[in-house]
All heavy atoms as atom14 arrays in JSON, in Angstrom:
{
  "sequence": "AHPVTVAGRAAIELVQRPIRWPNGVIDFPATTYFVPD",
  "atom14_mask": [
    [1, 1, 1, 1, 1, 0, 0, 0, 0, 0, 0, 0, 0, 0],
    [1, 1, 1, 1, 1, 1, 1, 1, 1, 1, 0, 0, 0, 0],
    [1, 1, 1, 1, 1, 1, 1, 0, 0, 0, 0, 0, 0, 0],
    [1, 1, 1, 1, 1, 1, 1, 0, 0, 0, 0, 0, 0, 0],
    [1, 1, 1, 1, 1, 1, 1, 0, 0, 0, 0, 0, 0, 0],
    [1, 1, 1, 1, 1, 1, 1, 0, 0, 0, 0, 0, 0, 0],
    [1, 1, 1, 1, 1, 0, 0, 0, 0, 0, 0, 0, 0, 0],
    [1, 1, 1, 1, 0, 0, 0, 0, 0, 0, 0, 0, 0, 0],
    [1, 1, 1, 1, 1, 1, 1, 1, 1, 1, 1, 0, 0, 0],
    [1, 1, 1, 1, 1, 0, 0, 0, 0, 0, 0, 0, 0, 0],
    [1, 1, 1, 1, 1, 0, 0, 0, 0, 0, 0, 0, 0, 0],
    [1, 1, 1, 1, 1, 1, 1, 1, 0, 0, 0, 0, 0, 0],
    [1, 1, 1, 1, 1, 1, 1, 1, 1, 0, 0, 0, 0, 0],
    [1, 1, 1, 1, 1, 1, 1, 1, 0, 0, 0, 0, 0, 0],
    [1, 1, 1, 1, 1, 1, 1, 0, 0, 0, 0, 0, 0, 0],
    [1, 1, 1, 1, 1, 1, 1, 1, 1, 0, 0, 0, 0, 0],
    [1, 1, 1, 1, 1, 1, 1, 1, 1, 1, 1, 0, 0, 0],
    [1, 1, 1, 1, 1, 1, 1, 0, 0, 0, 0, 0, 0, 0],
    [1, 1, 1, 1, 1, 1, 1, 1, 0, 0, 0, 0, 0, 0],
    [1, 1, 1, 1, 1, 1, 1, 1, 1, 1, 1, 0, 0, 0],
    [1, 1, 1, 1, 1, 1, 1, 1, 1, 1, 1, 1, 1, 1],
    [1, 1, 1, 1, 1, 1, 1, 0, 0, 0, 0, 0, 0, 0],
    [1, 1, 1, 1, 1, 1, 1, 1, 0, 0, 0, 0, 0, 0],
    [1, 1, 1, 1, 0, 0, 0, 0, 0, 0, 0, 0, 0, 0],
    [1, 1, 1, 1, 1, 1, 1, 0, 0, 0, 0, 0, 0, 0],
    [1, 1, 1, 1, 1, 1, 1, 1, 0, 0, 0, 0, 0, 0],
    [1, 1, 1, 1, 1, 1, 1, 1, 0, 0, 0, 0, 0, 0],
    [1, 1, 1, 1, 1, 1, 1, 1, 1, 1, 1, 0, 0, 0],
    [1, 1, 1, 1, 1, 1, 1, 0, 0, 0, 0, 0, 0, 0],
    [1, 1, 1, 1, 1, 0, 0, 0, 0, 0, 0, 0, 0, 0],
    [1, 1, 1, 1, 1, 1, 1, 0, 0, 0, 0, 0, 0, 0],
    [1, 1, 1, 1, 1, 1, 1, 0, 0, 0, 0, 0, 0, 0],
    [1, 1, 1, 1, 1, 1, 1, 1, 1, 1, 1, 1, 0, 0],
    [1, 1, 1, 1, 1, 1, 1, 1, 1, 1, 1, 0, 0, 0],
    [1, 1, 1, 1, 1, 1, 1, 0, 0, 0, 0, 0, 0, 0],
    [1, 1, 1, 1, 1, 1, 1, 0, 0, 0, 0, 0, 0, 0],
    [1, 1, 1, 1, 1, 1, 1, 1, 0, 0, 0, 0, 0, 0]
  ],
  "atom14_positions": [
    [[138.77, 153.63, -9.67], [138.28, 154.96, -9.28], [137.27, 154.79, -8.16], [136.41, 153.9, -8.22], [137.66, 155.67, -10.48], [0.0, 0.0, 0.0], [0.0, 0.0, 0.0], [0.0, 0.0, 0.0], [0.0, 0.0, 0.0], [0.0, 0.0, 0.0], [0.0, 0.0, 0.0], [0.0, 0.0, 0.0], [0.0, 0.0, 0.0], [0.0, 0.0, 0.0]],
    [[137.38, 155.65, -7.14], [136.49, 155.6, -5.99], [136.01, 157.01, -5.65], [136.8, 157.95, -5.67], [137.22, 155.06, -4.75], [137.96, 153.79, -4.99], [137.34, 152.57, -5.01], [139.27, 153.56, -5.24], [138.23, 151.63, -5.25], [139.42, 152.21, -5.4], [0.0, 0.0, 0.0], [0.0, 0.0, 0.0], [0.0, 0.0, 0.0], [0.0, 0.0, 0.0]],
    [[134.73, 157.16, -5.3], [134.28, 158.47, -4.84], [134.81, 158.74, -3.43], [134.84, 157.83, -2.59], [132.75, 158.35, -4.84], [132.48, 156.88, -4.78], [133.66, 156.18, -5.37], [0.0, 0.0, 0.0], [0.0, 0.0, 0.0], [0.0, 0.0, 0.0], [0.0, 0.0, 0.0], [0.0, 0.0, 0.0], [0.0, 0.0, 0.0], [0.0, 0.0, 0.0]],
    [[135.29, 159.96, -3.21], [135.81, 160.38, -1.9], [135.42, 161.85, -1.69], [134.87, 162.48, -2.58], [137.35, 160.22, -1.81], [137.76, 158.77, -1.87], [138.05, 161.02, -2.88], [0.0, 0.0, 0.0], [0.0, 0.0, 0.0], [0.0, 0.0, 0.0], [0.0, 0.0, 0.0], [0.0, 0.0, 0.0], [0.0, 0.0, 0.0], [0.0, 0.0, 0.0]],
    [[135.74, 162.36, -0.53], [135.55, 163.78, -0.25], [136.92, 164.39, 0.06], [137.67, 163.85, 0.88], [134.61, 163.99, 0.95], [133.35, 163.38, 0.63], [134.4, 165.46, 1.25], [0.0, 0.0, 0.0], [0.0, 0.0, 0.0], [0.0, 0.0, 0.0], [0.0, 0.0, 0.0], [0.0, 0.0, 0.0], [0.0, 0.0, 0.0], [0.0, 0.0, 0.0]],
    [[137.24, 165.48, -0.62], [138.5, 166.2, -0.4], [138.15, 167.68, -0.25], [137.42, 168.23, -1.09], [139.49, 166.01, -1.57], [140.74, 166.85, -1.36], [139.86, 164.54, -1.74], [0.0, 0.0, 0.0], [0.0, 0.0, 0.0], [0.0, 0.0, 0.0], [0.0, 0.0, 0.0], [0.0, 0.0, 0.0], [0.0, 0.0, 0.0], [0.0, 0.0, 0.0]],
    [[138.61, 168.29, 0.81], [138.34, 169.7, 1.08], [136.84, 169.98, 1.08], [136.39, 171.02, 0.6], [139.07, 170.61, 0.09], [0.0, 0.0, 0.0], [0.0, 0.0, 0.0], [0.0, 0.0, 0.0], [0.0, 0.0, 0.0], [0.0, 0.0, 0.0], [0.0, 0.0, 0.0], [0.0, 0.0, 0.0], [0.0, 0.0, 0.0], [0.0, 0.0, 0.0]],
    [[136.06, 169.03, 1.57], [134.61, 169.2, 1.65], [133.89, 169.07, 0.33], [132.7, 169.38, 0.24], [0.0, 0.0, 0.0], [0.0, 0.0, 0.0], [0.0, 0.0, 0.0], [0.0, 0.0, 0.0], [0.0, 0.0, 0.0], [0.0, 0.0, 0.0], [0.0, 0.0, 0.0], [0.0, 0.0, 0.0], [0.0, 0.0, 0.0], [0.0, 0.0, 0.0]],
    [[134.58, 168.59, -0.7], [133.97, 168.48, -2.03], [133.97, 167.03, -2.5], [134.9, 166.28, -2.23], [134.74, 169.34, -3.03], [134.66, 170.81, -2.66], [135.67, 171.61, -3.4], [135.7, 172.97, -2.84], [135.47, 174.06, -3.54], [135.2, 173.98, -4.81], [135.52, 175.23, -2.95], [0.0, 0.0, 0.0], [0.0, 0.0, 0.0], [0.0, 0.0, 0.0]],
    [[132.91, 166.68, -3.22], [132.85, 165.34, -3.81], [133.97, 165.23, -4.84], [134.07, 166.05, -5.76], [131.5, 165.11, -4.46], [0.0, 0.0, 0.0], [0.0, 0.0, 0.0], [0.0, 0.0, 0.0], [0.0, 0.0, 0.0], [0.0, 0.0, 0.0], [0.0, 0.0, 0.0], [0.0, 0.0, 0.0], [0.0, 0.0, 0.0], [0.0, 0.0, 0.0]],
    [[134.82, 164.23, -4.67], [136.0, 164.07, -5.52], [136.1, 162.62, -5.98], [135.3, 161.77, -5.57], [137.25, 164.49, -4.75], [0.0, 0.0, 0.0], [0.0, 0.0, 0.0], [0.0, 0.0, 0.0], [0.0, 0.0, 0.0], [0.0, 0.0, 0.0], [0.0, 0.0, 0.0], [0.0, 0.0, 0.0], [0.0, 0.0, 0.0], [0.0, 0.0, 0.0]],
    [[137.09, 162.36, -6.82], [137.37, 161.0, -7.27], [138.81, 160.67, -6.9], [139.72, 161.48, -7.13], [137.2, 160.87, -8.81], [135.73, 161.03, -9.2], [137.76, 159.56, -9.34], [134.84, 159.9, -8.73], [0.0, 0.0, 0.0], [0.0, 0.0, 0.0], [0.0, 0.0, 0.0], [0.0, 0.0, 0.0], [0.0, 0.0, 0.0], [0.0, 0.0, 0.0]],
    [[139.01, 159.5, -6.33], [140.35, 158.97, -6.08], [140.62, 157.93, -7.16], [139.83, 157.0, -7.35], [140.42, 158.3, -4.71], [141.75, 157.61, -4.46], [141.7, 156.71, -3.23], [140.82, 155.83, -3.17], [142.54, 156.91, -2.35], [0.0, 0.0, 0.0], [0.0, 0.0, 0.0], [0.0, 0.0, 0.0], [0.0, 0.0, 0.0], [0.0, 0.0, 0.0]],
    [[141.72, 158.09, -7.89], [142.11, 157.14, -8.92], [143.4, 156.46, -8.5], [144.41, 157.13, -8.24], [142.32, 157.86, -10.26], [142.8, 156.97, -11.4], [141.7, 155.99, -11.81], [143.22, 157.81, -12.58], [0.0, 0.0, 0.0], [0.0, 0.0, 0.0], [0.0, 0.0, 0.0], [0.0, 0.0, 0.0], [0.0, 0.0, 0.0], [0.0, 0.0, 0.0]],
    [[143.36, 155.14, -8.39], [144.56, 154.37, -8.06], [145.02, 153.67, -9.34], [144.26, 152.93, -9.96], [144.27, 153.34, -6.95], [145.51, 152.49, -6.67], [143.79, 154.03, -5.69], [0.0, 0.0, 0.0], [0.0, 0.0, 0.0], [0.0, 0.0, 0.0], [0.0, 0.0, 0.0], [0.0, 0.0, 0.0], [0.0, 0.0, 0.0], [0.0, 0.0, 0.0]],
    [[146.25, 153.99, -9.74], [146.87, 153.35, -10.91], [147.81, 152.28, -10.41], [148.78, 152.57, -9.72], [147.64, 154.39, -11.72], [148.47, 153.81, -12.86], [147.63, 153.17, -13.94], [146.8, 153.83, -14.54], [147.83, 151.89, -14.16], [0.0, 0.0, 0.0], [0.0, 0.0, 0.0], [0.0, 0.0, 0.0], [0.0, 0.0, 0.0], [0.0, 0.0, 0.0]],
    [[147.49, 151.03, -10.73], [148.35, 149.92, -10.31], [149.53, 149.77, -11.29], [149.42, 150.15, -12.45], [147.54, 148.62, -10.28], [146.48, 148.61, -9.19], [145.78, 147.26, -9.11], [145.21, 146.8, -10.36], [144.01, 147.14, -10.81], [143.25, 147.94, -10.12], [143.56, 146.66, -11.95], [0.0, 0.0, 0.0], [0.0, 0.0, 0.0], [0.0, 0.0, 0.0]],
    [[150.64, 149.22, -10.81], [151.75, 148.94, -11.72], [151.27, 148.02, -12.85], [150.44, 147.13, -12.62], [152.78, 148.21, -10.85], [152.44, 148.62, -9.45], [150.94, 148.79, -9.44], [0.0, 0.0, 0.0], [0.0, 0.0, 0.0], [0.0, 0.0, 0.0], [0.0, 0.0, 0.0], [0.0, 0.0, 0.0], [0.0, 0.0, 0.0], [0.0, 0.0, 0.0]],
    [[151.78, 148.26, -14.04], [151.34, 147.46, -15.18], [152.38, 147.53, -16.29], [153.08, 148.53, -16.44], [149.96, 147.93, -15.7], [149.45, 147.0, -16.79], [150.01, 149.37, -16.18], [148.0, 147.2, -17.17], [0.0, 0.0, 0.0], [0.0, 0.0, 0.0], [0.0, 0.0, 0.0], [0.0, 0.0, 0.0], [0.0, 0.0, 0.0], [0.0, 0.0, 0.0]],
    [[152.46, 146.47, -17.02], [153.23, 146.43, -18.27], [152.22, 146.14, -19.37], [151.45, 145.2, -19.27], [154.27, 145.32, -18.23], [155.34, 145.54, -17.21], [156.37, 144.4, -17.23], [157.28, 144.54, -16.1], [158.34, 145.32, -16.09], [158.63, 146.03, -17.15], [159.1, 145.42, -15.02], [0.0, 0.0, 0.0], [0.0, 0.0, 0.0], [0.0, 0.0, 0.0]],
    [[152.21, 146.97, -20.38], [151.31, 146.77, -21.52], [152.1, 147.09, -22.78], [153.22, 147.6, -22.68], [150.02, 147.57, -21.35], [150.06, 149.04, -21.66], [149.58, 149.66, -22.76], [150.6, 150.08, -20.85], [149.78, 151.01, -22.69], [150.42, 151.3, -21.53], [151.25, 150.12, -19.62], [150.85, 152.52, -21.03], [151.69, 151.34, -19.11], [151.47, 152.51, -19.81]],
    [[151.6, 146.76, -23.95], [152.4, 146.91, -25.18], [152.99, 148.31, -25.39], [154.03, 148.44, -26.02], [151.41, 146.58, -26.29], [150.42, 145.67, -25.65], [150.3, 146.15, -24.23], [0.0, 0.0, 0.0], [0.0, 0.0, 0.0], [0.0, 0.0, 0.0], [0.0, 0.0, 0.0], [0.0, 0.0, 0.0], [0.0, 0.0, 0.0], [0.0, 0.0, 0.0]],
    [[152.39, 149.34, -24.84], [152.88, 150.7, -25.07], [153.7, 151.27, -23.92], [154.07, 152.44, -23.96], [151.7, 151.64, -25.34], [150.99, 151.27, -26.63], [151.62, 150.82, -27.57], [149.69, 151.44, -26.65], [0.0, 0.0, 0.0], [0.0, 0.0, 0.0], [0.0, 0.0, 0.0], [0.0, 0.0, 0.0], [0.0, 0.0, 0.0], [0.0, 0.0, 0.0]],
    [[153.97, 150.49, -22.89], [154.76, 151.05, -21.8], [154.74, 150.26, -20.52], [154.18, 149.17, -20.45], [0.0, 0.0, 0.0], [0.0, 0.0, 0.0], [0.0, 0.0, 0.0], [0.0, 0.0, 0.0], [0.0, 0.0, 0.0], [0.0, 0.0, 0.0], [0.0, 0.0, 0.0], [0.0, 0.0, 0.0], [0.0, 0.0, 0.0], [0.0, 0.0, 0.0]],
    [[155.32, 150.86, -19.5], [155.43, 150.24, -18.18], [155.18, 151.31, -17.12], [155.67, 152.44, -17.24], [156.85, 149.65, -17.96], [157.01, 149.12, -16.54], [157.14, 148.57, -18.98], [0.0, 0.0, 0.0], [0.0, 0.0, 0.0], [0.0, 0.0, 0.0], [0.0, 0.0, 0.0], [0.0, 0.0, 0.0], [0.0, 0.0, 0.0], [0.0, 0.0, 0.0]],
    [[154.42, 150.97, -16.11], [154.3, 151.78, -14.91], [154.79, 150.89, -13.78], [154.18, 149.86, -13.49], [152.86, 152.26, -14.66], [152.42, 153.18, -15.8], [152.74, 152.96, -13.31], [150.97, 153.62, -15.72], [0.0, 0.0, 0.0], [0.0, 0.0, 0.0], [0.0, 0.0, 0.0], [0.0, 0.0, 0.0], [0.0, 0.0, 0.0], [0.0, 0.0, 0.0]],
    [[155.94, 151.26, -13.19], [156.58, 150.41, -12.18], [156.01, 150.58, -10.78], [156.14, 149.7, -9.96], [158.09, 150.69, -12.13], [158.8, 150.17, -13.37], [158.37, 149.14, -13.93], [159.79, 150.8, -13.78], [0.0, 0.0, 0.0], [0.0, 0.0, 0.0], [0.0, 0.0, 0.0], [0.0, 0.0, 0.0], [0.0, 0.0, 0.0], [0.0, 0.0, 0.0]],
    [[155.43, 151.76, -10.49], [155.0, 152.05, -9.14], [153.53, 152.46, -9.13], [153.06, 153.13, -10.05], [155.82, 153.19, -8.54], [157.28, 152.9, -8.5], [158.13, 153.36, -9.49], [157.81, 152.14, -7.47], [159.47, 153.09, -9.46], [159.16, 151.85, -7.43], [160.0, 152.32, -8.43], [0.0, 0.0, 0.0], [0.0, 0.0, 0.0], [0.0, 0.0, 0.0]],
    [[152.77, 152.08, -8.1], [151.4, 152.56, -8.01], [151.36, 154.07, -7.81], [152.29, 154.65, -7.26], [150.82, 151.82, -6.8], [151.99, 151.36, -6.01], [153.16, 151.26, -6.95], [0.0, 0.0, 0.0], [0.0, 0.0, 0.0], [0.0, 0.0, 0.0], [0.0, 0.0, 0.0], [0.0, 0.0, 0.0], [0.0, 0.0, 0.0], [0.0, 0.0, 0.0]],
    [[150.28, 154.67, -8.28], [150.09, 156.11, -8.13], [148.67, 156.36, -7.64], [147.76, 155.6, -7.95], [150.33, 156.83, -9.45], [0.0, 0.0, 0.0], [0.0, 0.0, 0.0], [0.0, 0.0, 0.0], [0.0, 0.0, 0.0], [0.0, 0.0, 0.0], [0.0, 0.0, 0.0], [0.0, 0.0, 0.0], [0.0, 0.0, 0.0], [0.0, 0.0, 0.0]],
    [[148.49, 157.44, -6.9], [147.17, 157.84, -6.42], [146.93, 159.27, -6.87], [147.78, 160.13, -6.66], [147.07, 157.75, -4.89], [147.47, 156.44, -4.48], [145.65, 158.01, -4.42], [0.0, 0.0, 0.0], [0.0, 0.0, 0.0], [0.0, 0.0, 0.0], [0.0, 0.0, 0.0], [0.0, 0.0, 0.0], [0.0, 0.0, 0.0], [0.0, 0.0, 0.0]],
    [[145.79, 159.5, -7.51], [145.45, 160.83, -8.02], [144.04, 161.18, -7.56], [143.15, 160.33, -7.56], [145.52, 160.86, -9.56], [146.84, 160.48, -9.96], [145.18, 162.23, -10.11], [0.0, 0.0, 0.0], [0.0, 0.0, 0.0], [0.0, 0.0, 0.0], [0.0, 0.0, 0.0], [0.0, 0.0, 0.0], [0.0, 0.0, 0.0], [0.0, 0.0, 0.0]],
    [[143.86, 162.44, -7.18], [142.54, 162.94, -6.77], [142.11, 164.03, -7.72], [142.89, 164.91, -8.08], [142.6, 163.49, -5.34], [142.85, 162.41, -4.32], [144.13, 162.0, -4.02], [141.79, 161.79, -3.69], [144.37, 160.98, -3.12], [142.01, 160.78, -2.77], [143.3, 160.37, -2.5], [143.53, 159.36, -1.6], [0.0, 0.0, 0.0], [0.0, 0.0, 0.0]],
    [[140.84, 163.95, -8.15], [140.21, 164.96, -9.0], [139.23, 165.72, -8.11], [138.27, 165.13, -7.61], [139.47, 164.3, -10.16], [140.37, 163.56, -11.11], [140.84, 162.29, -10.81], [140.76, 164.13, -12.31], [141.67, 161.6, -11.69], [141.59, 163.46, -13.19], [142.05, 162.2, -12.88], [0.0, 0.0, 0.0], [0.0, 0.0, 0.0], [0.0, 0.0, 0.0]],
    [[139.49, 167.02, -7.92], [138.68, 167.82, -7.0], [138.12, 169.03, -7.76], [138.88, 169.86, -8.25], [139.53, 168.31, -5.8], [138.66, 169.06, -4.8], [140.25, 167.15, -5.13], [0.0, 0.0, 0.0], [0.0, 0.0, 0.0], [0.0, 0.0, 0.0], [0.0, 0.0, 0.0], [0.0, 0.0, 0.0], [0.0, 0.0, 0.0], [0.0, 0.0, 0.0]],
    [[136.78, 169.14, -7.86], [136.21, 170.27, -8.6], [136.31, 171.57, -7.82], [136.2, 171.59, -6.6], [134.75, 169.85, -8.77], [134.46, 168.96, -7.6], [135.76, 168.26, -7.31], [0.0, 0.0, 0.0], [0.0, 0.0, 0.0], [0.0, 0.0, 0.0], [0.0, 0.0, 0.0], [0.0, 0.0, 0.0], [0.0, 0.0, 0.0], [0.0, 0.0, 0.0]],
    [[136.54, 172.65, -8.57], [136.55, 173.99, -8.0], [135.98, 174.94, -9.05], [136.74, 175.61, -9.76], [137.97, 174.4, -7.59], [138.0, 175.79, -6.94], [137.0, 176.17, -6.31], [139.02, 176.47, -7.09], [0.0, 0.0, 0.0], [0.0, 0.0, 0.0], [0.0, 0.0, 0.0], [0.0, 0.0, 0.0], [0.0, 0.0, 0.0], [0.0, 0.0, 0.0]]
  ]
}
């Protein structure tokens, strides 16, 4: 998680790396932004 600015607001960028763990698999990286409104 990294602090960023989106639409002029303090936001969080979350990068999910590919992973295999006992409960599942994520094959591709994902990027998600949390922007307060």
